[in-house]
Amino acid sequence: MPAITADTLTLPRIAAPTPSDTERPVRSITTGPQGYEGEGFPVVRAFAGVSSADLDPFVHMDQMGEVEYQPGEPRGTDWHPHRGFETVTYMIDGRFAHQDSHGGGGLITDGATQWMTAGSGILHIETPPAELVESGGTFHGIQLWVNLPRKDKFAAPKYQAIEGNQVGLLSSDDGGALVRVIAGEVDGHQGPGATYTPITLAHSTIEPGARLNLPWNRDFNALVYVLSGRGSIGPVGQPIHQGQLAVLGPGDRISVAAAQTQESRRPALEVLILGGKPIHEPVFQYGPFVMNSKSDLIQAVEDFEAGKFGTVPPNALMPHRPFGG
């Protein structure tokens, strides 16, 4: 799991807790079921079974892979629409190609993030590049949907390409954990992602036996998803492992510890830490549309069918099907 690595001894250290700080307690731990997305790539439905109130301002999250594809196996999505939210694709390992109907596009690879504001409506595709389909290889990433408040539902579509070397890098106070800040702020250090909804998104690698204790905005909710490995979370150290999501209660700080021993192929605890300011608005979702009412959803479908989300560009990127498949 390469993402972006660094020598934690040379990075800014996260401040240790003060006596008045409180750790966020664990409210629930759920295990995401496995499924398939797009043209058939395996995912873990990270938010399954969690109430929308606990997730707000997030709507949906899939862990894509981790899978070692054989030649001809990699799959992505075909062209499809979105409205009313932002999609975030974070590639931890492997490559994904993106293109959309508003001119955005590029290759997302090894620690890079594609941040697409669907807003008023957009068409896009995400698919493994042809060379990866032909050769096979490791594929591992996250797709996160961040809701937009009613006032921003029809914002102009936008695309941000965040390269891996642009993220903010921090170390835990003892140097045992690396924190990559993709969006928002951790202990005064800002990530590069520009968001409509105030959120923080970070990926941390915690070495065996080490503990990460980081400050967290009291106005934000707090979610910790285990990408790989096993450890414990919260003030009483509840066990947590790969594919599980912890919802935390109120407090000043988030505490996650890696187990002293890990599997040989998963040498550290890898966690995604995310939270944001709840929007507190009705959420009506129908497939790729996230709106505030049923009538909004009907309008979204009608607008899409009327071609108001743009058009697929000439010579557009298409899913690569090898061997004439």
C-alpha atoms as a PDB file:
ATOM      1  CA  MET A   1       0.000   0.000   0.000  1.00  0.00           C
ATOM      2  CA  PRO A   2       2.326   2.772  -1.196  1.00  0.00           C
ATOM      3  CA  ALA A   3       0.189   5.950  -1.381  1.00  0.00           C
ATOM      4  CA  ILE A   4       2.707   8.610  -0.324  1.00  0.00           C
ATOM      5  CA  THR A   5       5.385   7.660   2.193  1.00  0.00           C
ATOM      6  CA  ALA A   6       7.804   9.834   4.182  1.00  0.00           C
ATOM      7  CA  ASP A   7      10.269   9.704   7.035  1.00  0.00           C
ATOM      8  CA  THR A   8       8.115  10.625  10.017  1.00  0.00           C
ATOM      9  CA  LEU A   9      11.165  11.843  11.949  1.00  0.00           C
ATOM     10  CA  THR A  10      11.512  14.804   9.562  1.00  0.00           C
ATOM     11  CA  LEU A  11       7.853  15.886   9.570  1.00  0.00           C
ATOM     12  CA  PRO A  12       5.916  18.329  11.750  1.00  0.00           C
ATOM     13  CA  ARG A  13       4.630  16.570  14.864  1.00  0.00           C
ATOM     14  CA  ILE A  14       0.992  16.597  15.945  1.00  0.00           C
ATOM     15  CA  ALA A  15       0.695  18.231  19.349  1.00  0.00           C
ATOM     16  CA  ALA A  16       0.087  15.905  22.281  1.00  0.00           C
ATOM     17  CA  PRO A  17      -3.244  16.199  24.126  1.00  0.00           C
ATOM     18  CA  THR A  18      -3.665  18.680  26.958  1.00  0.00           C
ATOM     19  CA  PRO A  19      -5.201  17.702  30.328  1.00  0.00           C
ATOM     20  CA  SER A  20      -8.486  19.367  29.345  1.00  0.00           C
ATOM     21  CA  ASP A  21      -8.839  17.482  26.038  1.00  0.00           C
ATOM     22  CA  THR A  22     -11.406  14.684  25.810  1.00  0.00           C
ATOM     23  CA  GLU A  23     -11.136  11.674  23.503  1.00  0.00           C
ATOM     24  CA  ARG A  24     -14.090  10.895  21.273  1.00  0.00           C
ATOM     25  CA  PRO A  25     -15.845   7.710  22.427  1.00  0.00           C
ATOM     26  CA  VAL A  26     -16.851   4.940  20.026  1.00  0.00           C
ATOM     27  CA  ARG A  27     -20.582   4.993  19.277  1.00  0.00           C
ATOM     28  CA  SER A  28     -20.629   2.074  16.827  1.00  0.00           C
ATOM     29  CA  ILE A  29     -18.407  -0.240  14.800  1.00  0.00           C
ATOM     30  CA  THR A  30     -19.846  -1.807  11.646  1.00  0.00           C
ATOM     31  CA  THR A  31     -18.406  -4.194   9.072  1.00  0.00           C
ATOM     32  CA  GLY A  32     -18.900  -3.228   5.427  1.00  0.00           C
ATOM     33  CA  PRO A  33     -20.345  -5.934   3.146  1.00  0.00           C
ATOM     34  CA  GLN A  34     -18.663  -6.748  -0.150  1.00  0.00           C
ATOM     35  CA  GLY A  35     -20.250  -5.955  -3.490  1.00  0.00           C
ATOM     36  CA  TYR A  36     -19.514  -4.982  -7.080  1.00  0.00           C
ATOM     37  CA  GLU A  37     -19.620  -1.598  -8.799  1.00  0.00           C
ATOM     38  CA  GLY A  38     -19.561  -0.341 -12.375  1.00  0.00           C
ATOM     39  CA  GLU A  39     -18.566  -3.036 -14.835  1.00  0.00           C
ATOM     40  CA  GLY A  40     -17.776  -5.455 -12.036  1.00  0.00           C
ATOM     41  CA  PHE A  41     -14.954  -4.269  -9.780  1.00  0.00           C
ATOM     42  CA  PRO A  42     -15.086  -5.462  -6.152  1.00  0.00           C
ATOM     43  CA  VAL A  43     -15.868  -2.965  -3.394  1.00  0.00           C
ATOM     44  CA  VAL A  44     -16.521  -2.867   0.339  1.00  0.00           C
ATOM     45  CA  ARG A  45     -19.617  -0.762   1.132  1.00  0.00           C
ATOM     46  CA  ALA A  46     -18.018   1.099   4.011  1.00  0.00           C
ATOM     47  CA  PHE A  47     -21.123   3.002   5.158  1.00  0.00           C
ATOM     48  CA  ALA A  48     -23.618   0.116   5.015  1.00  0.00           C
ATOM     49  CA  GLY A  49     -25.768  -0.098   8.131  1.00  0.00           C
ATOM     50  CA  VAL A  50     -24.843   3.374   9.410  1.00  0.00           C
ATOM     51  CA  SER A  51     -27.549   6.022   9.825  1.00  0.00           C
ATOM     52  CA  SER A  52     -27.486   9.005   7.488  1.00  0.00           C
ATOM     53  CA  ALA A  53     -27.493  11.302  10.537  1.00  0.00           C
ATOM     54  CA  ASP A  54     -24.193   9.791  11.723  1.00  0.00           C
ATOM     55  CA  LEU A  55     -22.664  10.126   8.238  1.00  0.00           C
ATOM     56  CA  ASP A  56     -23.807  13.688   7.414  1.00  0.00           C
ATOM     57  CA  PRO A  57     -22.270  15.409   5.400  1.00  0.00           C
ATOM     58  CA  PHE A  58     -21.125  12.183   3.706  1.00  0.00           C
ATOM     59  CA  VAL A  59     -23.461  10.031   1.650  1.00  0.00           C
ATOM     60  CA  HIS A  60     -21.593   6.988   0.382  1.00  0.00           C
ATOM     61  CA  MET A  61     -18.138   5.397   0.485  1.00  0.00           C
ATOM     62  CA  ASP A  62     -16.669   2.351  -1.263  1.00  0.00           C
ATOM     63  CA  GLN A  63     -13.271   0.799  -0.702  1.00  0.00           C
ATOM     64  CA  MET A  64     -12.310  -0.332  -4.210  1.00  0.00           C
ATOM     65  CA  GLY A  65     -10.180  -3.463  -3.962  1.00  0.00           C
ATOM     66  CA  GLU A  66      -7.595  -4.127  -2.572  1.00  0.00           C
ATOM     67  CA  VAL A  67      -7.237  -6.639  -5.395  1.00  0.00           C
ATOM     68  CA  GLU A  68      -4.423  -8.074  -7.496  1.00  0.00           C
ATOM     69  CA  TYR A  69      -5.864  -8.277 -10.997  1.00  0.00           C
ATOM     70  CA  GLN A  70      -4.791 -10.804 -13.580  1.00  0.00           C
ATOM     71  CA  PRO A  71      -4.368  -9.586 -17.193  1.00  0.00           C
ATOM     72  CA  GLY A  72      -7.748  -8.710 -18.656  1.00  0.00           C
ATOM     73  CA  GLU A  73      -9.550  -8.514 -15.302  1.00  0.00           C
ATOM     74  CA  PRO A  74      -9.509  -4.806 -14.286  1.00  0.00           C
ATOM     75  CA  ARG A  75     -12.893  -3.116 -14.545  1.00  0.00           C
ATOM     76  CA  GLY A  76     -14.195   0.413 -14.033  1.00  0.00           C
ATOM     77  CA  THR A  77     -17.382   2.296 -14.872  1.00  0.00           C
ATOM     78  CA  ASP A  78     -18.888   3.425 -18.143  1.00  0.00           C
ATOM     79  CA  TRP A  79     -20.108   6.993 -18.696  1.00  0.00           C
ATOM     80  CA  HIS A  80     -22.725   7.957 -16.107  1.00  0.00           C
ATOM     81  CA  PRO A  81     -24.320  11.112 -14.602  1.00  0.00           C
ATOM     82  CA  HIS A  82     -24.136  12.817 -11.193  1.00  0.00           C
ATOM     83  CA  ARG A  83     -25.885  15.796  -9.595  1.00  0.00           C
ATOM     84  CA  GLY A  84     -26.006  17.394  -6.178  1.00  0.00           C
ATOM     85  CA  PHE A  85     -22.759  16.301  -4.496  1.00  0.00           C
ATOM     86  CA  GLU A  86     -18.993  15.892  -4.861  1.00  0.00           C
ATOM     87  CA  THR A  87     -17.203  12.655  -5.735  1.00  0.00           C
ATOM     88  CA  VAL A  88     -13.753  12.015  -4.293  1.00  0.00           C
ATOM     89  CA  THR A  89     -11.599   9.232  -5.763  1.00  0.00           C
ATOM     90  CA  TYR A  90      -8.421   8.517  -3.782  1.00  0.00           C
ATOM     91  CA  MET A  91      -6.090   6.002  -5.418  1.00  0.00           C
ATOM     92  CA  ILE A  92      -3.878   4.310  -2.852  1.00  0.00           C
ATOM     93  CA  ASP A  93      -2.347   1.793  -5.246  1.00  0.00           C
ATOM     94  CA  GLY A  94      -2.807   1.352  -8.975  1.00  0.00           C
ATOM     95  CA  ARG A  95      -4.176   3.635 -11.678  1.00  0.00           C
ATOM     96  CA  PHE A  96      -7.605   4.971 -12.636  1.00  0.00           C
ATOM     97  CA  ALA A  97      -8.333   7.223 -15.627  1.00  0.00           C
ATOM     98  CA  HIS A  98     -11.005   9.931 -15.362  1.00  0.00           C
ATOM     99  CA  GLN A  99     -12.807  12.079 -17.940  1.00  0.00           C
ATOM    100  CA  ASP A 100     -15.915  14.244 -17.658  1.00  0.00           C
ATOM    101  CA  SER A 101     -18.265  16.302 -19.805  1.00  0.00           C
ATOM    102  CA  HIS A 102     -16.923  19.625 -18.466  1.00  0.00           C
ATOM    103  CA  GLY A 103     -13.327  19.158 -19.567  1.00  0.00           C
ATOM    104  CA  GLY A 104     -11.886  17.545 -16.441  1.00  0.00           C
ATOM    105  CA  GLY A 105      -9.731  14.483 -16.684  1.00  0.00           C
ATOM    106  CA  GLY A 106      -6.461  12.754 -16.056  1.00  0.00           C
ATOM    107  CA  LEU A 107      -4.767   9.743 -14.540  1.00  0.00           C
ATOM    108  CA  ILE A 108      -5.233   9.122 -10.805  1.00  0.00           C
ATOM    109  CA  THR A 109      -2.368   7.043  -9.433  1.00  0.00           C
ATOM    110  CA  ASP A 110      -0.538   6.028  -6.223  1.00  0.00           C
ATOM    111  CA  GLY A 111      -1.689   8.563  -3.644  1.00  0.00           C
ATOM    112  CA  ALA A 112      -3.437  11.027  -5.990  1.00  0.00           C
ATOM    113  CA  THR A 113      -7.000  12.251  -5.518  1.00  0.00           C
ATOM    114  CA  GLN A 114      -9.594  13.317  -8.062  1.00  0.00           C
ATOM    115  CA  TRP A 115     -12.133  15.723  -6.573  1.00  0.00           C
ATOM    116  CA  MET A 116     -15.126  16.310  -8.828  1.00  0.00           C
ATOM    117  CA  THR A 117     -17.929  18.693  -7.963  1.00  0.00           C
ATOM    118  CA  ALA A 118     -20.939  17.333  -9.841  1.00  0.00           C
ATOM    119  CA  GLY A 119     -23.084  20.274  -8.749  1.00  0.00           C
ATOM    120  CA  SER A 120     -25.747  21.093 -11.335  1.00  0.00           C
ATOM    121  CA  GLY A 121     -24.938  18.010 -13.377  1.00  0.00           C
ATOM    122  CA  ILE A 122     -22.057  16.216 -15.053  1.00  0.00           C
ATOM    123  CA  LEU A 123     -21.263  13.069 -17.008  1.00  0.00           C
ATOM    124  CA  HIS A 124     -18.055  11.191 -16.249  1.00  0.00           C
ATOM    125  CA  ILE A 125     -16.189   7.920 -16.526  1.00  0.00           C
ATOM    126  CA  GLU A 126     -13.610   6.236 -14.306  1.00  0.00           C
ATOM    127  CA  THR A 127     -11.835   3.230 -15.722  1.00  0.00           C
ATOM    128  CA  PRO A 128      -8.477   1.459 -15.468  1.00  0.00           C
ATOM    129  CA  PRO A 129      -6.237   2.594 -18.354  1.00  0.00           C
ATOM    130  CA  ALA A 130      -5.837   0.134 -21.220  1.00  0.00           C
ATOM    131  CA  GLU A 131      -2.283  -0.824 -20.242  1.00  0.00           C
ATOM    132  CA  LEU A 132      -3.403  -1.833 -16.734  1.00  0.00           C
ATOM    133  CA  VAL A 133      -6.259  -3.887 -18.147  1.00  0.00           C
ATOM    134  CA  GLU A 134      -3.846  -5.712 -20.437  1.00  0.00           C
ATOM    135  CA  SER A 135      -1.112  -6.264 -17.860  1.00  0.00           C
ATOM    136  CA  GLY A 136      -3.127  -6.663 -14.650  1.00  0.00           C
ATOM    137  CA  GLY A 137      -1.766  -5.406 -11.342  1.00  0.00           C
ATOM    138  CA  THR A 138      -2.740  -4.060  -7.942  1.00  0.00           C
ATOM    139  CA  PHE A 139      -5.811  -1.862  -7.651  1.00  0.00           C
ATOM    140  CA  HIS A 140      -6.847  -0.173  -4.401  1.00  0.00           C
ATOM    141  CA  GLY A 141      -8.665   3.055  -3.741  1.00  0.00           C
ATOM    142  CA  ILE A 142     -11.569   4.882  -2.133  1.00  0.00           C
ATOM    143  CA  GLN A 143     -14.573   6.604  -3.637  1.00  0.00           C
ATOM    144  CA  LEU A 144     -16.353   9.006  -1.295  1.00  0.00           C
ATOM    145  CA  TRP A 145     -19.479  11.059  -1.921  1.00  0.00           C
ATOM    146  CA  VAL A 146     -19.644  14.403  -0.088  1.00  0.00           C
ATOM    147  CA  ASN A 147     -23.083  16.003   0.016  1.00  0.00           C
ATOM    148  CA  LEU A 148     -23.674  19.591  -1.064  1.00  0.00           C
ATOM    149  CA  PRO A 149     -26.030  21.848   0.893  1.00  0.00           C
ATOM    150  CA  ARG A 150     -29.175  23.033  -0.845  1.00  0.00           C
ATOM    151  CA  LYS A 151     -27.579  26.388  -1.675  1.00  0.00           C
ATOM    152  CA  ASP A 152     -24.761  24.659  -3.592  1.00  0.00           C
ATOM    153  CA  LYS A 153     -26.660  21.800  -5.259  1.00  0.00           C
ATOM    154  CA  PHE A 154     -26.516  23.617  -8.601  1.00  0.00           C
ATOM    155  CA  ALA A 155     -22.968  24.924  -8.346  1.00  0.00           C
ATOM    156  CA  ALA A 156     -20.987  24.849 -11.573  1.00  0.00           C
ATOM    157  CA  PRO A 157     -19.230  21.498 -12.069  1.00  0.00           C
ATOM    158  CA  LYS A 158     -15.549  21.565 -11.165  1.00  0.00           C
ATOM    159  CA  TYR A 159     -12.565  19.211 -11.224  1.00  0.00           C
ATOM    160  CA  GLN A 160      -9.530  19.174  -8.925  1.00  0.00           C
ATOM    161  CA  ALA A 161      -6.527  16.939  -9.538  1.00  0.00           C
ATOM    162  CA  ILE A 162      -4.627  16.535  -6.267  1.00  0.00           C
ATOM    163  CA  GLU A 163      -1.324  14.769  -6.783  1.00  0.00           C
ATOM    164  CA  GLY A 164       0.045  12.598  -4.004  1.00  0.00           C
ATOM    165  CA  ASN A 165       2.985  14.907  -3.360  1.00  0.00           C
ATOM    166  CA  GLN A 166       0.614  17.831  -2.714  1.00  0.00           C
ATOM    167  CA  VAL A 167      -1.008  16.427   0.431  1.00  0.00           C
ATOM    168  CA  GLY A 168      -0.041  17.723   3.851  1.00  0.00           C
ATOM    169  CA  LEU A 169       2.256  15.329   5.727  1.00  0.00           C
ATOM    170  CA  LEU A 170       2.371  15.111   9.521  1.00  0.00           C
ATOM    171  CA  SER A 171       3.729  12.735  12.137  1.00  0.00           C
ATOM    172  CA  SER A 172       2.200  11.599  15.398  1.00  0.00           C
ATOM    173  CA  ASP A 173       3.814  13.042  18.509  1.00  0.00           C
ATOM    174  CA  ASP A 174       5.964   9.886  18.941  1.00  0.00           C
ATOM    175  CA  GLY A 175       6.826   9.498  15.243  1.00  0.00           C
ATOM    176  CA  GLY A 176       5.027   6.154  14.952  1.00  0.00           C
ATOM    177  CA  ALA A 177       2.280   7.279  12.558  1.00  0.00           C
ATOM    178  CA  LEU A 178       2.262   9.136   9.243  1.00  0.00           C
ATOM    179  CA  VAL A 179      -0.767  11.315   8.487  1.00  0.00           C
ATOM    180  CA  ARG A 180      -1.595  12.483   4.962  1.00  0.00           C
ATOM    181  CA  VAL A 181      -4.033  15.427   5.023  1.00  0.00           C
ATOM    182  CA  ILE A 182      -5.969  15.407   1.748  1.00  0.00           C
ATOM    183  CA  ALA A 183      -8.603  18.025   2.592  1.00  0.00           C
ATOM    184  CA  GLY A 184      -9.430  20.180   5.576  1.00  0.00           C
ATOM    185  CA  GLU A 185      -7.137  20.800   8.533  1.00  0.00           C
ATOM    186  CA  VAL A 186      -5.365  18.740  11.186  1.00  0.00           C
ATOM    187  CA  ASP A 187      -3.585  20.524  14.047  1.00  0.00           C
ATOM    188  CA  GLY A 188      -3.230  23.712  12.004  1.00  0.00           C
ATOM    189  CA  HIS A 189      -1.941  21.968   8.879  1.00  0.00           C
ATOM    190  CA  GLN A 190      -4.102  22.326   5.766  1.00  0.00           C
ATOM    191  CA  GLY A 191      -4.719  19.786   3.014  1.00  0.00           C
ATOM    192  CA  PRO A 192      -4.959  20.872  -0.656  1.00  0.00           C
ATOM    193  CA  GLY A 193      -8.560  19.817  -1.371  1.00  0.00           C
ATOM    194  CA  ALA A 194     -11.018  22.718  -1.797  1.00  0.00           C
ATOM    195  CA  THR A 195     -14.502  21.771  -0.589  1.00  0.00           C
ATOM    196  CA  TYR A 196     -17.936  23.402  -0.520  1.00  0.00           C
ATOM    197  CA  THR A 197     -18.863  21.556   2.663  1.00  0.00           C
ATOM    198  CA  PRO A 198     -16.382  21.974   5.554  1.00  0.00           C
ATOM    199  CA  ILE A 199     -14.728  18.567   6.011  1.00  0.00           C
ATOM    200  CA  THR A 200     -11.431  16.937   6.906  1.00  0.00           C
ATOM    201  CA  LEU A 201     -10.117  13.850   5.096  1.00  0.00           C
ATOM    202  CA  ALA A 202      -6.863  12.142   6.078  1.00  0.00           C
ATOM    203  CA  HIS A 203      -5.108   8.786   5.549  1.00  0.00           C
ATOM    204  CA  SER A 204      -2.807   7.498   8.282  1.00  0.00           C
ATOM    205  CA  THR A 205      -0.302   4.653   8.452  1.00  0.00           C
ATOM    206  CA  ILE A 206       0.230   3.557  12.056  1.00  0.00           C
ATOM    207  CA  GLU A 207       3.181   1.268  12.726  1.00  0.00           C
ATOM    208  CA  PRO A 208       2.714  -1.864  14.904  1.00  0.00           C
ATOM    209  CA  GLY A 209       2.382  -0.908  18.559  1.00  0.00           C
ATOM    210  CA  ALA A 210       2.134   2.818  17.806  1.00  0.00           C
ATOM    211  CA  ARG A 211      -0.748   5.132  18.638  1.00  0.00           C
ATOM    212  CA  LEU A 212      -2.169   8.109  16.744  1.00  0.00           C
ATOM    213  CA  ASN A 213      -3.896  10.788  18.802  1.00  0.00           C
ATOM    214  CA  LEU A 214      -4.985  13.781  16.778  1.00  0.00           C
ATOM    215  CA  PRO A 215      -7.103  16.870  17.484  1.00  0.00           C
ATOM    216  CA  TRP A 216     -10.462  17.051  15.727  1.00  0.00           C
ATOM    217  CA  ASN A 217     -12.875  19.920  15.148  1.00  0.00           C
ATOM    218  CA  ARG A 218     -15.612  19.671  17.793  1.00  0.00           C
ATOM    219  CA  ASP A 219     -18.196  20.885  15.244  1.00  0.00           C
ATOM    220  CA  PHE A 220     -17.425  17.944  12.931  1.00  0.00           C
ATOM    221  CA  ASN A 221     -18.602  14.366  13.129  1.00  0.00           C
ATOM    222  CA  ALA A 222     -15.824  11.763  13.151  1.00  0.00           C
ATOM    223  CA  LEU A 223     -15.507   8.480  11.242  1.00  0.00           C
ATOM    224  CA  VAL A 224     -12.543   6.087  11.129  1.00  0.00           C
ATOM    225  CA  TYR A 225     -12.430   3.380   8.445  1.00  0.00           C
ATOM    226  CA  VAL A 226      -9.816   0.623   8.500  1.00  0.00           C
ATOM    227  CA  LEU A 227      -8.282   0.134   5.067  1.00  0.00           C
ATOM    228  CA  SER A 228      -5.864  -2.567   6.208  1.00  0.00           C
ATOM    229  CA  GLY A 229      -4.532  -4.181   9.375  1.00  0.00           C
ATOM    230  CA  ARG A 230      -5.950  -4.302  12.883  1.00  0.00           C
ATOM    231  CA  GLY A 231      -5.820  -2.297  16.056  1.00  0.00           C
ATOM    232  CA  SER A 232      -8.016  -0.508  18.558  1.00  0.00           C
ATOM    233  CA  ILE A 233      -9.878   2.768  18.756  1.00  0.00           C
ATOM    234  CA  GLY A 234     -11.234   5.193  21.318  1.00  0.00           C
ATOM    235  CA  PRO A 235     -10.511   5.798  24.996  1.00  0.00           C
ATOM    236  CA  VAL A 236     -11.210   2.180  26.010  1.00  0.00           C
ATOM    237  CA  GLY A 237      -9.405   0.619  23.039  1.00  0.00           C
ATOM    238  CA  GLN A 238     -12.208  -1.230  21.236  1.00  0.00           C
ATOM    239  CA  PRO A 239     -10.835  -3.726  18.681  1.00  0.00           C
ATOM    240  CA  ILE A 240     -11.190  -2.795  15.018  1.00  0.00           C
ATOM    241  CA  HIS A 241      -9.924  -4.404  11.817  1.00  0.00           C
ATOM    242  CA  GLN A 242      -9.886  -4.163   8.028  1.00  0.00           C
ATOM    243  CA  GLY A 243     -13.255  -3.312   6.472  1.00  0.00           C
ATOM    244  CA  GLN A 244     -14.748  -1.847   9.646  1.00  0.00           C
ATOM    245  CA  LEU A 245     -16.034   1.687  10.249  1.00  0.00           C
ATOM    246  CA  ALA A 246     -16.086   3.358  13.659  1.00  0.00           C
ATOM    247  CA  VAL A 247     -18.530   6.198  14.321  1.00  0.00           C
ATOM    248  CA  LEU A 248     -17.245   8.387  17.146  1.00  0.00           C
ATOM    249  CA  GLY A 249     -19.112  10.595  19.580  1.00  0.00           C
ATOM    250  CA  PRO A 250     -18.302  14.174  20.626  1.00  0.00           C
ATOM    251  CA  GLY A 251     -14.913  15.242  21.928  1.00  0.00           C
ATOM    252  CA  ASP A 252     -11.651  16.981  21.128  1.00  0.00           C
ATOM    253  CA  ARG A 253      -9.426  14.180  19.830  1.00  0.00           C
ATOM    254  CA  ILE A 254      -9.408  10.873  17.939  1.00  0.00           C
ATOM    255  CA  SER A 255      -7.258   8.013  19.213  1.00  0.00           C
ATOM    256  CA  VAL A 256      -6.319   4.944  17.119  1.00  0.00           C
ATOM    257  CA  ALA A 257      -3.677   2.340  17.995  1.00  0.00           C
ATOM    258  CA  ALA A 258      -2.117  -0.391  15.862  1.00  0.00           C
ATOM    259  CA  ALA A 259      -1.858  -3.924  17.223  1.00  0.00           C
ATOM    260  CA  GLN A 260       1.650  -4.993  18.183  1.00  0.00           C
ATOM    261  CA  THR A 261       1.591  -7.783  15.587  1.00  0.00           C
ATOM    262  CA  GLN A 262       0.160  -7.512  12.070  1.00  0.00           C
ATOM    263  CA  GLU A 263      -0.181  -9.939   9.177  1.00  0.00           C
ATOM    264  CA  SER A 264       2.995 -10.204   7.099  1.00  0.00           C
ATOM    265  CA  ARG A 265       1.266  -8.883   3.972  1.00  0.00           C
ATOM    266  CA  ARG A 266      -0.328  -6.017   5.938  1.00  0.00           C
ATOM    267  CA  PRO A 267       2.578  -4.675   7.980  1.00  0.00           C
ATOM    268  CA  ALA A 268       0.829  -1.620   9.473  1.00  0.00           C
ATOM    269  CA  LEU A 269      -2.591  -0.313  10.411  1.00  0.00           C
ATOM    270  CA  GLU A 270      -3.964   1.875   7.615  1.00  0.00           C
ATOM    271  CA  VAL A 271      -6.957   4.080   8.432  1.00  0.00           C
ATOM    272  CA  LEU A 272      -9.001   6.725   6.657  1.00  0.00           C
ATOM    273  CA  ILE A 273     -10.122   9.460   9.069  1.00  0.00           C
ATOM    274  CA  LEU A 274     -12.924  11.725   7.942  1.00  0.00           C
ATOM    275  CA  GLY A 275     -15.485  14.112   9.316  1.00  0.00           C
ATOM    276  CA  GLY A 276     -17.336  17.259   8.470  1.00  0.00           C
ATOM    277  CA  LYS A 277     -19.875  19.818   9.592  1.00  0.00           C
ATOM    278  CA  PRO A 278     -23.322  18.216   9.311  1.00  0.00           C
ATOM    279  CA  ILE A 279     -25.615  19.898   6.793  1.00  0.00           C
ATOM    280  CA  HIS A 280     -28.865  18.924   8.587  1.00  0.00           C
ATOM    281  CA  GLU A 281     -30.963  18.924   5.403  1.00  0.00           C
ATOM    282  CA  PRO A 282     -33.188  16.192   3.922  1.00  0.00           C
ATOM    283  CA  VAL A 283     -31.296  13.714   1.744  1.00  0.00           C
ATOM    284  CA  PHE A 284     -33.081  12.011  -1.146  1.00  0.00           C
ATOM    285  CA  GLN A 285     -30.858   9.750  -3.228  1.00  0.00           C
ATOM    286  CA  TYR A 286     -31.699   7.931  -6.411  1.00  0.00           C
ATOM    287  CA  GLY A 287     -28.670   6.218  -7.913  1.00  0.00           C
ATOM    288  CA  PRO A 288     -26.189   8.924  -8.972  1.00  0.00           C
ATOM    289  CA  PHE A 289     -28.366  11.854  -7.846  1.00  0.00           C
ATOM    290  CA  VAL A 290     -28.367  13.266  -4.288  1.00  0.00           C
ATOM    291  CA  MET A 291     -31.000  15.940  -3.744  1.00  0.00           C
ATOM    292  CA  ASN A 292     -33.295  17.415  -1.076  1.00  0.00           C
ATOM    293  CA  SER A 293     -36.688  16.106  -2.240  1.00  0.00           C
ATOM    294  CA  LYS A 294     -38.371  13.570  -4.506  1.00  0.00           C
ATOM    295  CA  SER A 295     -39.353  16.334  -6.903  1.00  0.00           C
ATOM    296  CA  ASP A 296     -35.684  17.353  -7.139  1.00  0.00           C
ATOM    297  CA  LEU A 297     -34.816  13.755  -8.060  1.00  0.00           C
ATOM    298  CA  ILE A 298     -37.491  13.637 -10.752  1.00  0.00           C
ATOM    299  CA  GLN A 299     -36.157  16.908 -12.164  1.00  0.00           C
ATOM    300  CA  ALA A 300     -32.601  15.507 -12.152  1.00  0.00           C
ATOM    301  CA  VAL A 301     -33.667  12.451 -14.141  1.00  0.00           C
ATOM    302  CA  GLU A 302     -35.602  14.606 -16.613  1.00  0.00           C
ATOM    303  CA  ASP A 303     -32.678  17.020 -17.027  1.00  0.00           C
ATOM    304  CA  PHE A 304     -30.271  14.138 -17.602  1.00  0.00           C
ATOM    305  CA  GLU A 305     -32.547  12.567 -20.209  1.00  0.00           C
ATOM    306  CA  ALA A 306     -32.884  15.982 -21.890  1.00  0.00           C
ATOM    307  CA  GLY A 307     -29.090  16.213 -22.278  1.00  0.00           C
ATOM    308  CA  LYS A 308     -28.629  19.061 -19.783  1.00  0.00           C
ATOM    309  CA  PHE A 309     -25.627  17.408 -18.072  1.00  0.00           C
ATOM    310  CA  GLY A 310     -23.415  17.898 -21.103  1.00  0.00           C
ATOM    311  CA  THR A 311     -22.365  15.396 -23.715  1.00  0.00           C
ATOM    312  CA  VAL A 312     -19.781  12.655 -23.957  1.00  0.00           C
ATOM    313  CA  PRO A 313     -16.774  14.286 -25.678  1.00  0.00           C
ATOM    314  CA  PRO A 314     -15.615  13.186 -29.134  1.00  0.00           C
ATOM    315  CA  ASN A 315     -12.957  10.446 -28.948  1.00  0.00           C
ATOM    316  CA  ALA A 316     -14.014   9.930 -25.335  1.00  0.00           C
ATOM    317  CA  LEU A 317     -12.335   7.560 -22.939  1.00  0.00           C
ATOM    318  CA  MET A 318     -14.178   4.241 -22.911  1.00  0.00           C
ATOM    319  CA  PRO A 319     -13.847   1.056 -20.822  1.00  0.00           C
ATOM    320  CA  HIS A 320     -11.081  -1.055 -22.316  1.00  0.00           C
ATOM    321  CA  ARG A 321     -12.155  -4.629 -22.975  1.00  0.00           C
ATOM    322  CA  PRO A 322      -9.165  -6.810 -23.876  1.00  0.00           C
ATOM    323  CA  PHE A 323      -8.999  -9.694 -26.249  1.00  0.00           C
ATOM    324  CA  GLY A 324     -11.990  -8.446 -28.226  1.00  0.00           C
ATOM    325  CA  GLY A 325     -14.215  -8.752 -25.116  1.00  0.00           C
END
